[in-house]
Amino acid sequence: LSMFGKEKASKMALHLIWAIKPMIER
């Protein structure tokens, strides 16, 4: 039932993906 917790986790997932993917590309 923790919608705000899910939102925080999802946004952190996007943040990590956007930070790490360019390192993979390079």
PDB file of all heavy atoms in Angstrom:
ATOM      1  N   LEU A   1       0.808  -1.215   0.000  1.00  0.00           N
ATOM      2  CA  LEU A   1       0.000   0.000   0.000  1.00  0.00           C
ATOM      3  C   LEU A   1       0.841   1.266   0.000  1.00  0.00           C
ATOM      4  O   LEU A   1       0.305   2.361   0.087  1.00  0.00           O
ATOM      5  CB  LEU A   1      -0.925  -0.001   1.231  1.00  0.00           C
ATOM      6  CG  LEU A   1      -1.886  -1.193   1.331  1.00  0.00           C
ATOM      7  CD1 LEU A   1      -2.699  -1.102   2.607  1.00  0.00           C
ATOM      8  CD2 LEU A   1      -2.808  -1.246   0.120  1.00  0.00           C
ATOM      9  N   SER A   2       2.138   1.115  -0.092  1.00  0.00           N
ATOM     10  CA  SER A   2       3.026   2.276  -0.024  1.00  0.00           C
ATOM     11  C   SER A   2       3.273   2.831  -1.428  1.00  0.00           C
ATOM     12  O   SER A   2       4.268   2.523  -2.070  1.00  0.00           O
ATOM     13  CB  SER A   2       4.357   1.890   0.637  1.00  0.00           C
ATOM     14  OG  SER A   2       5.234   2.981   0.655  1.00  0.00           O
ATOM     15  N   MET A   3       2.360   3.663  -1.893  1.00  0.00           N
ATOM     16  CA  MET A   3       2.484   4.231  -3.236  1.00  0.00           C
ATOM     17  C   MET A   3       3.654   5.200  -3.320  1.00  0.00           C
ATOM     18  O   MET A   3       4.379   5.235  -4.318  1.00  0.00           O
ATOM     19  CB  MET A   3       1.183   4.938  -3.634  1.00  0.00           C
ATOM     20  CG  MET A   3      -0.011   4.011  -3.785  1.00  0.00           C
ATOM     21  SD  MET A   3       0.310   2.669  -4.968  1.00  0.00           S
ATOM     22  CE  MET A   3       0.530   3.605  -6.479  1.00  0.00           C
ATOM     23  N   PHE A   4       3.855   5.995  -2.237  1.00  0.00           N
ATOM     24  CA  PHE A   4       4.957   6.953  -2.274  1.00  0.00           C
ATOM     25  C   PHE A   4       6.289   6.220  -2.256  1.00  0.00           C
ATOM     26  O   PHE A   4       7.237   6.619  -2.921  1.00  0.00           O
ATOM     27  CB  PHE A   4       4.866   7.914  -1.085  1.00  0.00           C
ATOM     28  CG  PHE A   4       5.924   8.984  -1.087  1.00  0.00           C
ATOM     29  CD1 PHE A   4       6.012   9.899  -2.126  1.00  0.00           C
ATOM     30  CD2 PHE A   4       6.839   9.067  -0.051  1.00  0.00           C
ATOM     31  CE1 PHE A   4       6.994  10.875  -2.136  1.00  0.00           C
ATOM     32  CE2 PHE A   4       7.821  10.048  -0.057  1.00  0.00           C
ATOM     33  CZ  PHE A   4       7.884  10.954  -1.095  1.00  0.00           C
ATOM     34  N   GLY A   5       6.356   5.115  -1.499  1.00  0.00           N
ATOM     35  CA  GLY A   5       7.580   4.318  -1.480  1.00  0.00           C
ATOM     36  C   GLY A   5       7.880   3.723  -2.842  1.00  0.00           C
ATOM     37  O   GLY A   5       9.025   3.684  -3.288  1.00  0.00           O
ATOM     38  N   LYS A   6       6.838   3.251  -3.537  1.00  0.00           N
ATOM     39  CA  LYS A   6       7.021   2.689  -4.875  1.00  0.00           C
ATOM     40  C   LYS A   6       7.507   3.773  -5.838  1.00  0.00           C
ATOM     41  O   LYS A   6       8.347   3.520  -6.702  1.00  0.00           O
ATOM     42  CB  LYS A   6       5.713   2.089  -5.382  1.00  0.00           C
ATOM     43  CG  LYS A   6       5.311   0.808  -4.686  1.00  0.00           C
ATOM     44  CD  LYS A   6       3.994   0.268  -5.246  1.00  0.00           C
ATOM     45  CE  LYS A   6       3.596  -1.021  -4.537  1.00  0.00           C
ATOM     46  NZ  LYS A   6       2.302  -1.538  -5.035  1.00  0.00           N
ATOM     47  N   GLU A   7       6.949   4.975  -5.671  1.00  0.00           N
ATOM     48  CA  GLU A   7       7.360   6.085  -6.534  1.00  0.00           C
ATOM     49  C   GLU A   7       8.828   6.428  -6.312  1.00  0.00           C
ATOM     50  O   GLU A   7       9.582   6.632  -7.266  1.00  0.00           O
ATOM     51  CB  GLU A   7       6.489   7.321  -6.246  1.00  0.00           C
ATOM     52  CG  GLU A   7       6.852   8.534  -7.094  1.00  0.00           C
ATOM     53  CD  GLU A   7       6.139   9.794  -6.673  1.00  0.00           C
ATOM     54  OE1 GLU A   7       5.364   9.739  -5.694  1.00  0.00           O
ATOM     55  OE2 GLU A   7       6.369  10.842  -7.301  1.00  0.00           O
ATOM     56  N   LYS A   8       9.255   6.475  -5.048  1.00  0.00           N
ATOM     57  CA  LYS A   8      10.661   6.767  -4.746  1.00  0.00           C
ATOM     58  C   LYS A   8      11.577   5.695  -5.325  1.00  0.00           C
ATOM     59  O   LYS A   8      12.615   6.005  -5.918  1.00  0.00           O
ATOM     60  CB  LYS A   8      10.875   6.871  -3.232  1.00  0.00           C
ATOM     61  CG  LYS A   8      10.325   8.124  -2.606  1.00  0.00           C
ATOM     62  CD  LYS A   8      10.967   8.414  -1.262  1.00  0.00           C
ATOM     63  CE  LYS A   8      10.621   7.362  -0.241  1.00  0.00           C
ATOM     64  NZ  LYS A   8      11.162   7.696   1.095  1.00  0.00           N
ATOM     65  N   ALA A   9      11.198   4.428  -5.152  1.00  0.00           N
ATOM     66  CA  ALA A   9      12.017   3.331  -5.665  1.00  0.00           C
ATOM     67  C   ALA A   9      12.098   3.381  -7.186  1.00  0.00           C
ATOM     68  O   ALA A   9      13.166   3.187  -7.773  1.00  0.00           O
ATOM     69  CB  ALA A   9      11.453   1.993  -5.205  1.00  0.00           C
ATOM     70  N   SER A  10      10.959   3.663  -7.839  1.00  0.00           N
ATOM     71  CA  SER A  10      10.941   3.723  -9.306  1.00  0.00           C
ATOM     72  C   SER A  10      11.790   4.880  -9.831  1.00  0.00           C
ATOM     73  O   SER A  10      12.523   4.732 -10.814  1.00  0.00           O
ATOM     74  CB  SER A  10       9.497   3.865  -9.818  1.00  0.00           C
ATOM     75  OG  SER A  10       8.740   2.716  -9.503  1.00  0.00           O
ATOM     76  N   LYS A  11      11.701   6.032  -9.166  1.00  0.00           N
ATOM     77  CA  LYS A  11      12.497   7.189  -9.596  1.00  0.00           C
ATOM     78  C   LYS A  11      13.989   6.945  -9.359  1.00  0.00           C
ATOM     79  O   LYS A  11      14.819   7.390 -10.160  1.00  0.00           O
ATOM     80  CB  LYS A  11      12.024   8.453  -8.881  1.00  0.00           C
ATOM     81  CG  LYS A  11      10.671   8.947  -9.382  1.00  0.00           C
ATOM     82  CD  LYS A  11      10.318  10.312  -8.823  1.00  0.00           C
ATOM     83  CE  LYS A  11       9.031  10.838  -9.438  1.00  0.00           C
ATOM     84  NZ  LYS A  11       8.666  12.181  -8.948  1.00  0.00           N
ATOM     85  N   MET A  12      14.319   6.239  -8.274  1.00  0.00           N
ATOM     86  CA  MET A  12      15.720   5.925  -8.031  1.00  0.00           C
ATOM     87  C   MET A  12      16.225   4.945  -9.092  1.00  0.00           C
ATOM     88  O   MET A  12      17.365   5.051  -9.554  1.00  0.00           O
ATOM     89  CB  MET A  12      15.894   5.333  -6.632  1.00  0.00           C
ATOM     90  CG  MET A  12      17.331   4.941  -6.300  1.00  0.00           C
ATOM     91  SD  MET A  12      18.537   6.298  -6.516  1.00  0.00           S
ATOM     92  CE  MET A  12      17.982   7.451  -5.237  1.00  0.00           C
ATOM     93  N   ALA A  13      15.367   3.998  -9.494  1.00  0.00           N
ATOM     94  CA  ALA A  13      15.748   3.058 -10.553  1.00  0.00           C
ATOM     95  C   ALA A  13      16.065   3.813 -11.842  1.00  0.00           C
ATOM     96  O   ALA A  13      17.088   3.557 -12.499  1.00  0.00           O
ATOM     97  CB  ALA A  13      14.629   2.047 -10.792  1.00  0.00           C
ATOM     98  N   LEU A  14      15.217   4.767 -12.214  1.00  0.00           N
ATOM     99  CA  LEU A  14      15.469   5.566 -13.413  1.00  0.00           C
ATOM    100  C   LEU A  14      16.753   6.370 -13.277  1.00  0.00           C
ATOM    101  O   LEU A  14      17.542   6.475 -14.222  1.00  0.00           O
ATOM    102  CB  LEU A  14      14.287   6.511 -13.673  1.00  0.00           C
ATOM    103  CG  LEU A  14      12.985   5.878 -14.150  1.00  0.00           C
ATOM    104  CD1 LEU A  14      11.899   6.937 -14.275  1.00  0.00           C
ATOM    105  CD2 LEU A  14      13.179   5.173 -15.482  1.00  0.00           C
ATOM    106  N   HIS A  15      16.959   6.937 -12.092  1.00  0.00           N
ATOM    107  CA  HIS A  15      18.169   7.730 -11.844  1.00  0.00           C
ATOM    108  C   HIS A  15      19.426   6.882 -12.040  1.00  0.00           C
ATOM    109  O   HIS A  15      20.392   7.317 -12.680  1.00  0.00           O
ATOM    110  CB  HIS A  15      18.118   8.294 -10.425  1.00  0.00           C
ATOM    111  CG  HIS A  15      19.338   9.033 -10.007  1.00  0.00           C
ATOM    112  ND1 HIS A  15      19.683  10.258 -10.540  1.00  0.00           N
ATOM    113  CD2 HIS A  15      20.316   8.723  -9.117  1.00  0.00           C
ATOM    114  CE1 HIS A  15      20.816  10.670  -9.986  1.00  0.00           C
ATOM    115  NE2 HIS A  15      21.218   9.755  -9.131  1.00  0.00           N
ATOM    116  N   LEU A  16      19.417   5.669 -11.503  1.00  0.00           N
ATOM    117  CA  LEU A  16      20.580   4.789 -11.633  1.00  0.00           C
ATOM    118  C   LEU A  16      20.767   4.325 -13.072  1.00  0.00           C
ATOM    119  O   LEU A  16      21.899   4.253 -13.570  1.00  0.00           O
ATOM    120  CB  LEU A  16      20.421   3.576 -10.704  1.00  0.00           C
ATOM    121  CG  LEU A  16      20.480   3.877  -9.203  1.00  0.00           C
ATOM    122  CD1 LEU A  16      20.159   2.626  -8.389  1.00  0.00           C
ATOM    123  CD2 LEU A  16      21.839   4.429  -8.811  1.00  0.00           C
ATOM    124  N   ILE A  17      19.673   4.023 -13.747  1.00  0.00           N
ATOM    125  CA  ILE A  17      19.756   3.589 -15.148  1.00  0.00           C
ATOM    126  C   ILE A  17      20.363   4.696 -16.009  1.00  0.00           C
ATOM    127  O   ILE A  17      21.268   4.453 -16.821  1.00  0.00           O
ATOM    128  CB  ILE A  17      18.365   3.183 -15.672  1.00  0.00           C
ATOM    129  CG1 ILE A  17      17.930   1.860 -15.024  1.00  0.00           C
ATOM    130  CG2 ILE A  17      18.371   3.030 -17.190  1.00  0.00           C
ATOM    131  CD1 ILE A  17      16.475   1.520 -15.268  1.00  0.00           C
ATOM    132  N   TRP A  18      19.860   5.915 -15.824  1.00  0.00           N
ATOM    133  CA  TRP A  18      20.366   7.040 -16.632  1.00  0.00           C
ATOM    134  C   TRP A  18      21.829   7.347 -16.313  1.00  0.00           C
ATOM    135  O   TRP A  18      22.557   7.868 -17.157  1.00  0.00           O
ATOM    136  CB  TRP A  18      19.508   8.287 -16.374  1.00  0.00           C
ATOM    137  CG  TRP A  18      18.107   8.147 -16.888  1.00  0.00           C
ATOM    138  CD1 TRP A  18      17.651   7.263 -17.839  1.00  0.00           C
ATOM    139  CD2 TRP A  18      16.959   8.889 -16.466  1.00  0.00           C
ATOM    140  NE1 TRP A  18      16.308   7.402 -18.028  1.00  0.00           N
ATOM    141  CE2 TRP A  18      15.845   8.403 -17.213  1.00  0.00           C
ATOM    142  CE3 TRP A  18      16.751   9.905 -15.554  1.00  0.00           C
ATOM    143  CZ2 TRP A  18      14.555   8.918 -17.051  1.00  0.00           C
ATOM    144  CZ3 TRP A  18      15.470  10.419 -15.388  1.00  0.00           C
ATOM    145  CH2 TRP A  18      14.396   9.917 -16.141  1.00  0.00           C
ATOM    146  N   ALA A  19      22.274   7.055 -15.087  1.00  0.00           N
ATOM    147  CA  ALA A  19      23.667   7.314 -14.718  1.00  0.00           C
ATOM    148  C   ALA A  19      24.597   6.216 -15.225  1.00  0.00           C
ATOM    149  O   ALA A  19      25.732   6.483 -15.633  1.00  0.00           O
ATOM    150  CB  ALA A  19      23.786   7.443 -13.201  1.00  0.00           C
ATOM    151  N   ILE A  20      24.128   4.949 -15.222  1.00  0.00           N
ATOM    152  CA  ILE A  20      25.001   3.823 -15.539  1.00  0.00           C
ATOM    153  C   ILE A  20      25.003   3.479 -17.028  1.00  0.00           C
ATOM    154  O   ILE A  20      26.041   3.076 -17.571  1.00  0.00           O
ATOM    155  CB  ILE A  20      24.602   2.593 -14.693  1.00  0.00           C
ATOM    156  CG1 ILE A  20      24.824   2.898 -13.209  1.00  0.00           C
ATOM    157  CG2 ILE A  20      25.393   1.354 -15.096  1.00  0.00           C
ATOM    158  CD1 ILE A  20      24.330   1.814 -12.274  1.00  0.00           C
ATOM    159  N   LYS A  21      23.877   3.658 -17.718  1.00  0.00           N
ATOM    160  CA  LYS A  21      23.818   3.297 -19.140  1.00  0.00           C
ATOM    161  C   LYS A  21      24.872   4.015 -19.984  1.00  0.00           C
ATOM    162  O   LYS A  21      25.516   3.388 -20.840  1.00  0.00           O
ATOM    163  CB  LYS A  21      22.418   3.556 -19.706  1.00  0.00           C
ATOM    164  CG  LYS A  21      21.513   2.335 -19.665  1.00  0.00           C
ATOM    165  CD  LYS A  21      20.233   2.576 -20.430  1.00  0.00           C
ATOM    166  CE  LYS A  21      19.376   1.314 -20.484  1.00  0.00           C
ATOM    167  NZ  LYS A  21      18.117   1.555 -21.227  1.00  0.00           N
ATOM    168  N   PRO A  22      25.075   5.327 -19.801  1.00  0.00           N
ATOM    169  CA  PRO A  22      26.125   5.998 -20.587  1.00  0.00           C
ATOM    170  C   PRO A  22      27.513   5.408 -20.328  1.00  0.00           C
ATOM    171  O   PRO A  22      28.354   5.387 -21.231  1.00  0.00           O
ATOM    172  CB  PRO A  22      26.045   7.455 -20.103  1.00  0.00           C
ATOM    173  CG  PRO A  22      24.649   7.626 -19.621  1.00  0.00           C
ATOM    174  CD  PRO A  22      24.290   6.302 -19.007  1.00  0.00           C
ATOM    175  N   MET A  23      27.758   4.908 -19.123  1.00  0.00           N
ATOM    176  CA  MET A  23      29.047   4.278 -18.824  1.00  0.00           C
ATOM    177  C   MET A  23      29.198   2.977 -19.610  1.00  0.00           C
ATOM    178  O   MET A  23      30.300   2.630 -20.042  1.00  0.00           O
ATOM    179  CB  MET A  23      29.159   4.010 -17.318  1.00  0.00           C
ATOM    180  CG  MET A  23      29.094   5.259 -16.461  1.00  0.00           C
ATOM    181  SD  MET A  23      28.948   4.905 -14.684  1.00  0.00           S
ATOM    182  CE  MET A  23      30.548   4.175 -14.362  1.00  0.00           C
ATOM    183  N   ILE A  24      28.079   2.281 -19.798  1.00  0.00           N
ATOM    184  CA  ILE A  24      28.113   1.067 -20.623  1.00  0.00           C
ATOM    185  C   ILE A  24      28.359   1.433 -22.085  1.00  0.00           C
ATOM    186  O   ILE A  24      29.172   0.788 -22.765  1.00  0.00           O
ATOM    187  CB  ILE A  24      26.786   0.285 -20.472  1.00  0.00           C
ATOM    188  CG1 ILE A  24      26.638  -0.238 -19.042  1.00  0.00           C
ATOM    189  CG2 ILE A  24      26.718  -0.866 -21.475  1.00  0.00           C
ATOM    190  CD1 ILE A  24      25.308  -0.914 -18.755  1.00  0.00           C
ATOM    191  N   GLU A  25      27.694   2.472 -22.556  1.00  0.00           N
ATOM    192  CA  GLU A  25      27.852   2.903 -23.947  1.00  0.00           C
ATOM    193  C   GLU A  25      29.283   3.336 -24.238  1.00  0.00           C
ATOM    194  O   GLU A  25      29.813   3.077 -25.320  1.00  0.00           O
ATOM    195  CB  GLU A  25      26.881   4.041 -24.264  1.00  0.00           C
ATOM    196  CG  GLU A  25      25.408   3.652 -24.292  1.00  0.00           C
ATOM    197  CD  GLU A  25      25.063   2.734 -25.456  1.00  0.00           C
ATOM    198  OE1 GLU A  25      25.868   2.648 -26.407  1.00  0.00           O
ATOM    199  OE2 GLU A  25      24.005   2.088 -25.406  1.00  0.00           O
ATOM    200  N   ARG A  26      29.914   3.992 -23.261  1.00  0.00           N
ATOM    201  CA  ARG A  26      31.288   4.471 -23.453  1.00  0.00           C
ATOM    202  C   ARG A  26      32.310   3.369 -23.178  1.00  0.00           C
ATOM    203  O   ARG A  26      33.508   3.615 -23.245  1.00  0.00           O
ATOM    204  CB  ARG A  26      31.560   5.667 -22.541  1.00  0.00           C
ATOM    205  CG  ARG A  26      30.734   6.895 -22.850  1.00  0.00           C
ATOM    206  CD  ARG A  26      31.254   8.113 -22.105  1.00  0.00           C
ATOM    207  NE  ARG A  26      31.175   7.955 -20.660  1.00  0.00           N
ATOM    208  CZ  ARG A  26      30.171   8.396 -19.912  1.00  0.00           C
ATOM    209  NH1 ARG A  26      29.144   9.014 -20.500  1.00  0.00           N
ATOM    210  NH2 ARG A  26      30.172   8.234 -18.600  1.00  0.00           N
TER     211      ARG A  26
END
